[in-house]
Each structure stands twice: as structure tokens, then as C-alpha cells.
């Protein structure tokens, strides 16, 4: 994880600002993002890098699995070839 604590907090702030344009629709999201932002501020750098490193790795894995599932639904041959491959 290469992002710094201030960069993660800035990202949280950008998302909160975006969601603040419709607070009625996004109230729960804003509350949750503020909780994430607070946890980032309170967490030491080493732990923060470990946690966010796992989160980003998990997101890449989910994106890959989702792409395979979509491709299989569409009948793409590459997805069928990779369905039994484990990394």
C-alpha cells in the first residue's frame, strides 16, 4: 500500500462531498464513510497499510471473479478455460 494516511482521508472527503449533494439518499453512506475516515485517522501507519493492502487485494480478486462470471454468462471461451485455474 503506497497511499499515505492524508491521501486516504482526502479520498474519503471527496466521496463524502459527492454524497453530500443528496444527503437524503446518501445519509447512511455518509455516516459509514465518516466512520471509515475516523478509523483511518486513529490507526497507526503500519496497521493502516496492512489493512488497506488486504482491502485492495480483495477488491482486485473480486473484480477478476466478477469478470469471469460475466464472461461465462456471455459464453466467452476464456472464462471457461480459467474456471478451474487456481492462483
PDB file of N, CA and C in Angstrom:
ATOM      1  N   UNK A   1       0.846  -1.177   0.000  1.00  0.00           N
ATOM      2  CA  UNK A   1       0.000   0.000   0.000  1.00  0.00           C
ATOM      3  C   UNK A   1       0.888   1.235   0.000  1.00  0.00           C
ATOM      4  N   UNK A   2       0.785   2.026  -1.032  1.00  0.00           N
ATOM      5  CA  UNK A   2       1.645   3.194  -1.179  1.00  0.00           C
ATOM      6  C   UNK A   2       0.959   4.496  -0.765  1.00  0.00           C
ATOM      7  N   UNK A   3      -0.358   4.482  -0.678  1.00  0.00           N
ATOM      8  CA  UNK A   3      -1.053   5.713  -0.303  1.00  0.00           C
ATOM      9  C   UNK A   3      -0.754   6.076   1.146  1.00  0.00           C
ATOM     10  N   UNK A   4      -0.691   7.363   1.397  1.00  0.00           N
ATOM     11  CA  UNK A   4      -0.459   7.848   2.755  1.00  0.00           C
ATOM     12  C   UNK A   4      -1.801   8.073   3.455  1.00  0.00           C
ATOM     13  N   UNK A   5      -1.740   8.216   4.750  1.00  0.00           N
ATOM     14  CA  UNK A   5      -2.945   8.485   5.534  1.00  0.00           C
ATOM     15  C   UNK A   5      -3.666   9.744   5.029  1.00  0.00           C
ATOM     16  N   UNK A   6      -2.946  10.852   4.797  1.00  0.00           N
ATOM     17  CA  UNK A   6      -3.635  12.044   4.276  1.00  0.00           C
ATOM     18  C   UNK A   6      -4.305  11.801   2.924  1.00  0.00           C
ATOM     19  N   UNK A   7      -3.696  10.980   2.068  1.00  0.00           N
ATOM     20  CA  UNK A   7      -4.307  10.694   0.767  1.00  0.00           C
ATOM     21  C   UNK A   7      -5.593   9.883   0.914  1.00  0.00           C
ATOM     22  N   UNK A   8      -5.603   8.936   1.831  1.00  0.00           N
ATOM     23  CA  UNK A   8      -6.815   8.149   2.075  1.00  0.00           C
ATOM     24  C   UNK A   8      -7.909   9.034   2.646  1.00  0.00           C
ATOM     25  N   UNK A   9      -7.539   9.911   3.580  1.00  0.00           N
ATOM     26  CA  UNK A   9      -8.514  10.840   4.169  1.00  0.00           C
ATOM     27  C   UNK A   9      -9.065  11.780   3.094  1.00  0.00           C
ATOM     28  N   UNK A  10      -8.210  12.259   2.188  1.00  0.00           N
ATOM     29  CA  UNK A  10      -8.683  13.123   1.096  1.00  0.00           C
ATOM     30  C   UNK A  10      -9.679  12.378   0.203  1.00  0.00           C
ATOM     31  N   UNK A  11      -9.400  11.103  -0.059  1.00  0.00           N
ATOM     32  CA  UNK A  11     -10.340  10.294  -0.835  1.00  0.00           C
ATOM     33  C   UNK A  11     -11.686  10.212  -0.117  1.00  0.00           C
ATOM     34  N   UNK A  12     -11.657   9.921   1.184  1.00  0.00           N
ATOM     35  CA  UNK A  12     -12.894   9.854   1.967  1.00  0.00           C
ATOM     36  C   UNK A  12     -13.649  11.174   1.887  1.00  0.00           C
ATOM     37  N   UNK A  13     -12.930  12.280   2.011  1.00  0.00           N
ATOM     38  CA  UNK A  13     -13.556  13.601   1.938  1.00  0.00           C
ATOM     39  C   UNK A  13     -14.203  13.848   0.574  1.00  0.00           C
ATOM     40  N   UNK A  14     -13.522  13.431  -0.508  1.00  0.00           N
ATOM     41  CA  UNK A  14     -14.104  13.603  -1.854  1.00  0.00           C
ATOM     42  C   UNK A  14     -15.404  12.822  -1.992  1.00  0.00           C
ATOM     43  N   UNK A  15     -15.417  11.602  -1.469  1.00  0.00           N
ATOM     44  CA  UNK A  15     -16.632  10.788  -1.553  1.00  0.00           C
ATOM     45  C   UNK A  15     -17.746  11.405  -0.710  1.00  0.00           C
ATOM     46  N   UNK A  16     -17.410  11.854   0.482  1.00  0.00           N
ATOM     47  CA  UNK A  16     -18.402  12.498   1.355  1.00  0.00           C
ATOM     48  C   UNK A  16     -18.968  13.742   0.679  1.00  0.00           C
ATOM     49  N   UNK A  17     -18.105  14.547   0.074  1.00  0.00           N
ATOM     50  CA  UNK A  17     -18.575  15.742  -0.639  1.00  0.00           C
ATOM     51  C   UNK A  17     -19.508  15.375  -1.777  1.00  0.00           C
ATOM     52  N   UNK A  18     -19.172  14.341  -2.514  1.00  0.00           N
ATOM     53  CA  UNK A  18     -20.025  13.885  -3.623  1.00  0.00           C
ATOM     54  C   UNK A  18     -21.388  13.448  -3.093  1.00  0.00           C
ATOM     55  N   UNK A  19     -21.380  12.638  -2.056  1.00  0.00           N
ATOM     56  CA  UNK A  19     -22.633  12.142  -1.492  1.00  0.00           C
ATOM     57  C   UNK A  19     -23.440  13.239  -0.804  1.00  0.00           C
ATOM     58  N   UNK A  20     -22.774  14.283  -0.351  1.00  0.00           N
ATOM     59  CA  UNK A  20     -23.458  15.373   0.351  1.00  0.00           C
ATOM     60  C   UNK A  20     -24.382  16.173  -0.559  1.00  0.00           C
ATOM     61  N   UNK A  21     -24.267  15.966  -1.858  1.00  0.00           N
ATOM     62  CA  UNK A  21     -25.155  16.654  -2.795  1.00  0.00           C
ATOM     63  C   UNK A  21     -26.582  16.126  -2.694  1.00  0.00           C
ATOM     64  N   UNK A  22     -26.743  14.923  -2.139  1.00  0.00           N
ATOM     65  CA  UNK A  22     -28.074  14.354  -1.914  1.00  0.00           C
ATOM     66  C   UNK A  22     -28.057  13.626  -0.570  1.00  0.00           C
ATOM     67  N   UNK A  23     -28.102  14.423   0.498  1.00  0.00           N
ATOM     68  CA  UNK A  23     -27.980  13.850   1.841  1.00  0.00           C
ATOM     69  C   UNK A  23     -29.136  12.927   2.209  1.00  0.00           C
ATOM     70  N   UNK A  24     -30.303  13.174   1.666  1.00  0.00           N
ATOM     71  CA  UNK A  24     -31.447  12.305   1.968  1.00  0.00           C
ATOM     72  C   UNK A  24     -31.174  10.886   1.467  1.00  0.00           C
ATOM     73  N   UNK A  25     -30.709  10.794   0.249  1.00  0.00           N
ATOM     74  CA  UNK A  25     -30.428   9.494  -0.362  1.00  0.00           C
ATOM     75  C   UNK A  25     -29.184   8.842   0.242  1.00  0.00           C
ATOM     76  N   UNK A  26     -28.196   9.637   0.611  1.00  0.00           N
ATOM     77  CA  UNK A  26     -26.880   9.106   0.997  1.00  0.00           C
ATOM     78  C   UNK A  26     -26.537   9.227   2.476  1.00  0.00           C
ATOM     79  N   UNK A  27     -27.502   9.483   3.323  1.00  0.00           N
ATOM     80  CA  UNK A  27     -27.212   9.708   4.745  1.00  0.00           C
ATOM     81  C   UNK A  27     -26.442   8.549   5.374  1.00  0.00           C
ATOM     82  N   UNK A  28     -26.873   7.332   5.124  1.00  0.00           N
ATOM     83  CA  UNK A  28     -26.184   6.163   5.707  1.00  0.00           C
ATOM     84  C   UNK A  28     -24.781   6.009   5.127  1.00  0.00           C
ATOM     85  N   UNK A  29     -24.646   6.276   3.834  1.00  0.00           N
ATOM     86  CA  UNK A  29     -23.330   6.185   3.205  1.00  0.00           C
ATOM     87  C   UNK A  29     -22.366   7.209   3.790  1.00  0.00           C
ATOM     88  N   UNK A  30     -22.855   8.423   4.000  1.00  0.00           N
ATOM     89  CA  UNK A  30     -22.027   9.493   4.569  1.00  0.00           C
ATOM     90  C   UNK A  30     -21.583   9.113   5.974  1.00  0.00           C
ATOM     91  N   UNK A  31     -22.505   8.592   6.765  1.00  0.00           N
ATOM     92  CA  UNK A  31     -22.185   8.154   8.125  1.00  0.00           C
ATOM     93  C   UNK A  31     -21.114   7.068   8.094  1.00  0.00           C
ATOM     94  N   UNK A  32     -21.275   6.090   7.205  1.00  0.00           N
ATOM     95  CA  UNK A  32     -20.308   4.999   7.106  1.00  0.00           C
ATOM     96  C   UNK A  32     -18.937   5.503   6.656  1.00  0.00           C
ATOM     97  N   UNK A  33     -18.919   6.408   5.674  1.00  0.00           N
ATOM     98  CA  UNK A  33     -17.630   6.926   5.200  1.00  0.00           C
ATOM     99  C   UNK A  33     -16.954   7.764   6.276  1.00  0.00           C
ATOM    100  N   UNK A  34     -17.726   8.493   7.070  1.00  0.00           N
ATOM    101  CA  UNK A  34     -17.132   9.231   8.188  1.00  0.00           C
ATOM    102  C   UNK A  34     -16.530   8.273   9.208  1.00  0.00           C
ATOM    103  N   UNK A  35     -17.158   7.126   9.417  1.00  0.00           N
ATOM    104  CA  UNK A  35     -16.603   6.117  10.321  1.00  0.00           C
ATOM    105  C   UNK A  35     -15.293   5.567   9.766  1.00  0.00           C
ATOM    106  N   UNK A  36     -15.250   5.323   8.467  1.00  0.00           N
ATOM    107  CA  UNK A  36     -14.010   4.851   7.836  1.00  0.00           C
ATOM    108  C   UNK A  36     -12.922   5.902   7.975  1.00  0.00           C
ATOM    109  N   UNK A  37     -13.281   7.152   7.695  1.00  0.00           N
ATOM    110  CA  UNK A  37     -12.313   8.247   7.801  1.00  0.00           C
ATOM    111  C   UNK A  37     -11.758   8.344   9.229  1.00  0.00           C
ATOM    112  N   UNK A  38     -12.626   8.237  10.219  1.00  0.00           N
ATOM    113  CA  UNK A  38     -12.192   8.293  11.614  1.00  0.00           C
ATOM    114  C   UNK A  38     -11.260   7.135  11.943  1.00  0.00           C
ATOM    115  N   UNK A  39     -11.592   5.937  11.453  1.00  0.00           N
ATOM    116  CA  UNK A  39     -10.725   4.789  11.727  1.00  0.00           C
ATOM    117  C   UNK A  39      -9.359   4.963  11.072  1.00  0.00           C
ATOM    118  N   UNK A  40      -9.317   5.572   9.895  1.00  0.00           N
ATOM    119  CA  UNK A  40      -8.044   5.840   9.232  1.00  0.00           C
ATOM    120  C   UNK A  40      -7.224   6.815  10.080  1.00  0.00           C
ATOM    121  N   UNK A  41      -7.863   7.854  10.575  1.00  0.00           N
ATOM    122  CA  UNK A  41      -7.154   8.856  11.381  1.00  0.00           C
ATOM    123  C   UNK A  41      -6.613   8.261  12.675  1.00  0.00           C
ATOM    124  N   UNK A  42      -7.317   7.301  13.264  1.00  0.00           N
ATOM    125  CA  UNK A  42      -6.921   6.729  14.553  1.00  0.00           C
ATOM    126  C   UNK A  42      -5.948   5.562  14.439  1.00  0.00           C
ATOM    127  N   UNK A  43      -5.775   5.028  13.260  1.00  0.00           N
ATOM    128  CA  UNK A  43      -4.955   3.828  13.080  1.00  0.00           C
ATOM    129  C   UNK A  43      -3.514   4.208  12.751  1.00  0.00           C
ATOM    130  N   UNK A  44      -2.565   3.470  13.360  1.00  0.00           N
ATOM    131  CA  UNK A  44      -1.158   3.739  13.071  1.00  0.00           C
ATOM    132  C   UNK A  44      -0.841   3.333  11.627  1.00  0.00           C
ATOM    133  N   UNK A  45       0.213   3.924  11.081  1.00  0.00           N
ATOM    134  CA  UNK A  45       0.543   3.749   9.663  1.00  0.00           C
ATOM    135  C   UNK A  45       0.787   2.294   9.272  1.00  0.00           C
ATOM    136  N   UNK A  46       1.497   1.541  10.102  1.00  0.00           N
ATOM    137  CA  UNK A  46       1.810   0.148   9.770  1.00  0.00           C
ATOM    138  C   UNK A  46       0.535  -0.694   9.671  1.00  0.00           C
ATOM    139  N   UNK A  47      -0.348  -0.539  10.632  1.00  0.00           N
ATOM    140  CA  UNK A  47      -1.611  -1.275  10.621  1.00  0.00           C
ATOM    141  C   UNK A  47      -2.473  -0.823   9.451  1.00  0.00           C
ATOM    142  N   UNK A  48      -2.494   0.472   9.205  1.00  0.00           N
ATOM    143  CA  UNK A  48      -3.277   1.016   8.101  1.00  0.00           C
ATOM    144  C   UNK A  48      -2.830   0.421   6.767  1.00  0.00           C
ATOM    145  N   UNK A  49      -1.529   0.350   6.557  1.00  0.00           N
ATOM    146  CA  UNK A  49      -1.018  -0.230   5.314  1.00  0.00           C
ATOM    147  C   UNK A  49      -1.393  -1.707   5.198  1.00  0.00           C
ATOM    148  N   UNK A  50      -1.346  -2.440   6.298  1.00  0.00           N
ATOM    149  CA  UNK A  50      -1.704  -3.864   6.266  1.00  0.00           C
ATOM    150  C   UNK A  50      -3.183  -4.042   5.930  1.00  0.00           C
ATOM    151  N   UNK A  51      -4.039  -3.283   6.600  1.00  0.00           N
ATOM    152  CA  UNK A  51      -5.485  -3.409   6.392  1.00  0.00           C
ATOM    153  C   UNK A  51      -5.864  -2.989   4.977  1.00  0.00           C
ATOM    154  N   UNK A  52      -5.418  -1.826   4.540  1.00  0.00           N
ATOM    155  CA  UNK A  52      -5.783  -1.343   3.206  1.00  0.00           C
ATOM    156  C   UNK A  52      -5.122  -2.162   2.108  1.00  0.00           C
ATOM    157  N   UNK A  53      -3.974  -2.750   2.390  1.00  0.00           N
ATOM    158  CA  UNK A  53      -3.359  -3.665   1.437  1.00  0.00           C
ATOM    159  C   UNK A  53      -4.245  -4.888   1.213  1.00  0.00           C
ATOM    160  N   UNK A  54      -4.829  -5.409   2.302  1.00  0.00           N
ATOM    161  CA  UNK A  54      -5.751  -6.545   2.187  1.00  0.00           C
ATOM    162  C   UNK A  54      -7.026  -6.145   1.449  1.00  0.00           C
ATOM    163  N   UNK A  55      -7.537  -4.966   1.760  1.00  0.00           N
ATOM    164  CA  UNK A  55      -8.764  -4.498   1.109  1.00  0.00           C
ATOM    165  C   UNK A  55      -8.550  -4.355  -0.391  1.00  0.00           C
ATOM    166  N   UNK A  56      -7.445  -3.746  -0.796  1.00  0.00           N
ATOM    167  CA  UNK A  56      -7.212  -3.562  -2.232  1.00  0.00           C
ATOM    168  C   UNK A  56      -6.969  -4.892  -2.925  1.00  0.00           C
ATOM    169  N   UNK A  57      -6.250  -5.805  -2.285  1.00  0.00           N
ATOM    170  CA  UNK A  57      -6.048  -7.134  -2.859  1.00  0.00           C
ATOM    171  C   UNK A  57      -7.366  -7.873  -3.031  1.00  0.00           C
ATOM    172  N   UNK A  58      -8.227  -7.750  -2.049  1.00  0.00           N
ATOM    173  CA  UNK A  58      -9.545  -8.375  -2.094  1.00  0.00           C
ATOM    174  C   UNK A  58     -10.381  -7.778  -3.218  1.00  0.00           C
ATOM    175  N   UNK A  59     -10.290  -6.477  -3.408  1.00  0.00           N
ATOM    176  CA  UNK A  59     -11.050  -5.830  -4.483  1.00  0.00           C
ATOM    177  C   UNK A  59     -10.592  -6.328  -5.853  1.00  0.00           C
ATOM    178  N   UNK A  60      -9.277  -6.463  -6.051  1.00  0.00           N
ATOM    179  CA  UNK A  60      -8.779  -6.984  -7.327  1.00  0.00           C
ATOM    180  C   UNK A  60      -9.290  -8.399  -7.563  1.00  0.00           C
ATOM    181  N   UNK A  61      -9.292  -9.204  -6.506  1.00  0.00           N
ATOM    182  CA  UNK A  61      -9.791 -10.575  -6.627  1.00  0.00           C
ATOM    183  C   UNK A  61     -11.274 -10.580  -6.988  1.00  0.00           C
ATOM    184  N   UNK A  62     -12.055  -9.731  -6.342  1.00  0.00           N
ATOM    185  CA  UNK A  62     -13.484  -9.652  -6.647  1.00  0.00           C
ATOM    186  C   UNK A  62     -13.730  -9.183  -8.077  1.00  0.00           C
ATOM    187  N   UNK A  63     -12.966  -8.206  -8.527  1.00  0.00           N
ATOM    188  CA  UNK A  63     -13.112  -7.730  -9.905  1.00  0.00           C
ATOM    189  C   UNK A  63     -12.801  -8.835 -10.900  1.00  0.00           C
ATOM    190  N   UNK A  64     -11.764  -9.619 -10.632  1.00  0.00           N
ATOM    191  CA  UNK A  64     -11.385 -10.724 -11.507  1.00  0.00           C
ATOM    192  C   UNK A  64     -12.491 -11.787 -11.526  1.00  0.00           C
ATOM    193  N   UNK A  65     -12.962 -12.177 -10.346  1.00  0.00           N
ATOM    194  CA  UNK A  65     -14.017 -13.192 -10.268  1.00  0.00           C
ATOM    195  C   UNK A  65     -15.298 -12.706 -10.937  1.00  0.00           C
ATOM    196  N   UNK A  66     -15.616 -11.442 -10.775  1.00  0.00           N
ATOM    197  CA  UNK A  66     -16.802 -10.877 -11.411  1.00  0.00           C
ATOM    198  C   UNK A  66     -16.663 -10.883 -12.931  1.00  0.00           C
ATOM    199  N   UNK A  67     -15.475 -10.530 -13.418  1.00  0.00           N
ATOM    200  CA  UNK A  67     -15.239 -10.535 -14.870  1.00  0.00           C
ATOM    201  C   UNK A  67     -15.382 -11.951 -15.428  1.00  0.00           C
ATOM    202  N   UNK A  68     -14.860 -12.946 -14.704  1.00  0.00           N
ATOM    203  CA  UNK A  68     -15.009 -14.332 -15.149  1.00  0.00           C
ATOM    204  C   UNK A  68     -16.475 -14.743 -15.174  1.00  0.00           C
ATOM    205  N   UNK A  69     -17.220 -14.396 -14.131  1.00  0.00           N
ATOM    206  CA  UNK A  69     -18.637 -14.769 -14.060  1.00  0.00           C
ATOM    207  C   UNK A  69     -19.427 -14.118 -15.192  1.00  0.00           C
ATOM    208  N   UNK A  70     -19.159 -12.845 -15.443  1.00  0.00           N
ATOM    209  CA  UNK A  70     -19.848 -12.168 -16.542  1.00  0.00           C
ATOM    210  C   UNK A  70     -19.500 -12.805 -17.881  1.00  0.00           C
ATOM    211  N   UNK A  71     -18.231 -13.117 -18.074  1.00  0.00           N
ATOM    212  CA  UNK A  71     -17.803 -13.727 -19.329  1.00  0.00           C
ATOM    213  C   UNK A  71     -18.438 -15.101 -19.513  1.00  0.00           C
ATOM    214  N   UNK A  72     -18.535 -15.866 -18.434  1.00  0.00           N
ATOM    215  CA  UNK A  72     -19.166 -17.185 -18.530  1.00  0.00           C
ATOM    216  C   UNK A  72     -20.637 -17.049 -18.899  1.00  0.00           C
ATOM    217  N   UNK A  73     -21.320 -16.056 -18.334  1.00  0.00           N
ATOM    218  CA  UNK A  73     -22.725 -15.823 -18.670  1.00  0.00           C
ATOM    219  C   UNK A  73     -22.882 -15.457 -20.142  1.00  0.00           C
ATOM    220  N   UNK A  74     -21.866 -14.774 -20.671  1.00  0.00           N
ATOM    221  CA  UNK A  74     -21.904 -14.357 -22.075  1.00  0.00           C
ATOM    222  C   UNK A  74     -21.340 -15.425 -23.013  1.00  0.00           C
ATOM    223  N   UNK A  75     -20.857 -16.540 -22.435  1.00  0.00           N
ATOM    224  CA  UNK A  75     -20.344 -17.636 -23.245  1.00  0.00           C
ATOM    225  C   UNK A  75     -18.931 -17.451 -23.752  1.00  0.00           C
ATOM    226  N   UNK A  76     -18.161 -16.582 -23.140  1.00  0.00           N
ATOM    227  CA  UNK A  76     -16.777 -16.356 -23.572  1.00  0.00           C
ATOM    228  C   UNK A  76     -15.925 -17.581 -23.244  1.00  0.00           C
ATOM    229  N   UNK A  77     -15.137 -18.026 -24.198  1.00  0.00           N
ATOM    230  CA  UNK A  77     -14.352 -19.244 -24.010  1.00  0.00           C
ATOM    231  C   UNK A  77     -13.219 -19.070 -23.009  1.00  0.00           C
ATOM    232  N   UNK A  78     -12.660 -17.869 -22.888  1.00  0.00           N
ATOM    233  CA  UNK A  78     -11.562 -17.679 -21.948  1.00  0.00           C
ATOM    234  C   UNK A  78     -12.012 -17.928 -20.511  1.00  0.00           C
ATOM    235  N   UNK A  79     -13.247 -17.599 -20.200  1.00  0.00           N
ATOM    236  CA  UNK A  79     -13.750 -17.800 -18.838  1.00  0.00           C
ATOM    237  C   UNK A  79     -13.874 -19.281 -18.523  1.00  0.00           C
ATOM    238  N   UNK A  80     -14.325 -20.055 -19.489  1.00  0.00           N
ATOM    239  CA  UNK A  80     -14.450 -21.497 -19.285  1.00  0.00           C
ATOM    240  C   UNK A  80     -13.075 -22.122 -19.076  1.00  0.00           C
ATOM    241  N   UNK A  81     -12.076 -21.631 -19.801  1.00  0.00           N
ATOM    242  CA  UNK A  81     -10.712 -22.137 -19.680  1.00  0.00           C
ATOM    243  C   UNK A  81     -10.143 -21.846 -18.298  1.00  0.00           C
ATOM    244  N   UNK A  82     -10.454 -20.690 -17.743  1.00  0.00           N
ATOM    245  CA  UNK A  82      -9.884 -20.273 -16.455  1.00  0.00           C
ATOM    246  C   UNK A  82     -10.682 -20.728 -15.242  1.00  0.00           C
ATOM    247  N   UNK A  83     -11.860 -21.303 -15.414  1.00  0.00           N
ATOM    248  CA  UNK A  83     -12.696 -21.585 -14.251  1.00  0.00           C
ATOM    249  C   UNK A  83     -12.072 -22.560 -13.268  1.00  0.00           C
ATOM    250  N   UNK A  84     -11.206 -23.462 -13.745  1.00  0.00           N
ATOM    251  CA  UNK A  84     -10.573 -24.431 -12.861  1.00  0.00           C
ATOM    252  C   UNK A  84      -9.164 -24.046 -12.456  1.00  0.00           C
ATOM    253  N   UNK A  85      -8.667 -22.919 -12.936  1.00  0.00           N
ATOM    254  CA  UNK A  85      -7.305 -22.486 -12.626  1.00  0.00           C
ATOM    255  C   UNK A  85      -7.327 -21.766 -11.283  1.00  0.00           C
ATOM    256  N   UNK A  86      -6.456 -22.181 -10.388  1.00  0.00           N
ATOM    257  CA  UNK A  86      -6.309 -21.517  -9.079  1.00  0.00           C
ATOM    258  C   UNK A  86      -4.984 -20.780  -9.056  1.00  0.00           C
ATOM    259  N   UNK A  87      -4.990 -19.604  -8.438  1.00  0.00           N
ATOM    260  CA  UNK A  87      -3.736 -18.851  -8.367  1.00  0.00           C
ATOM    261  C   UNK A  87      -3.024 -19.135  -7.079  1.00  0.00           C
TER     262      UNK A  87
END
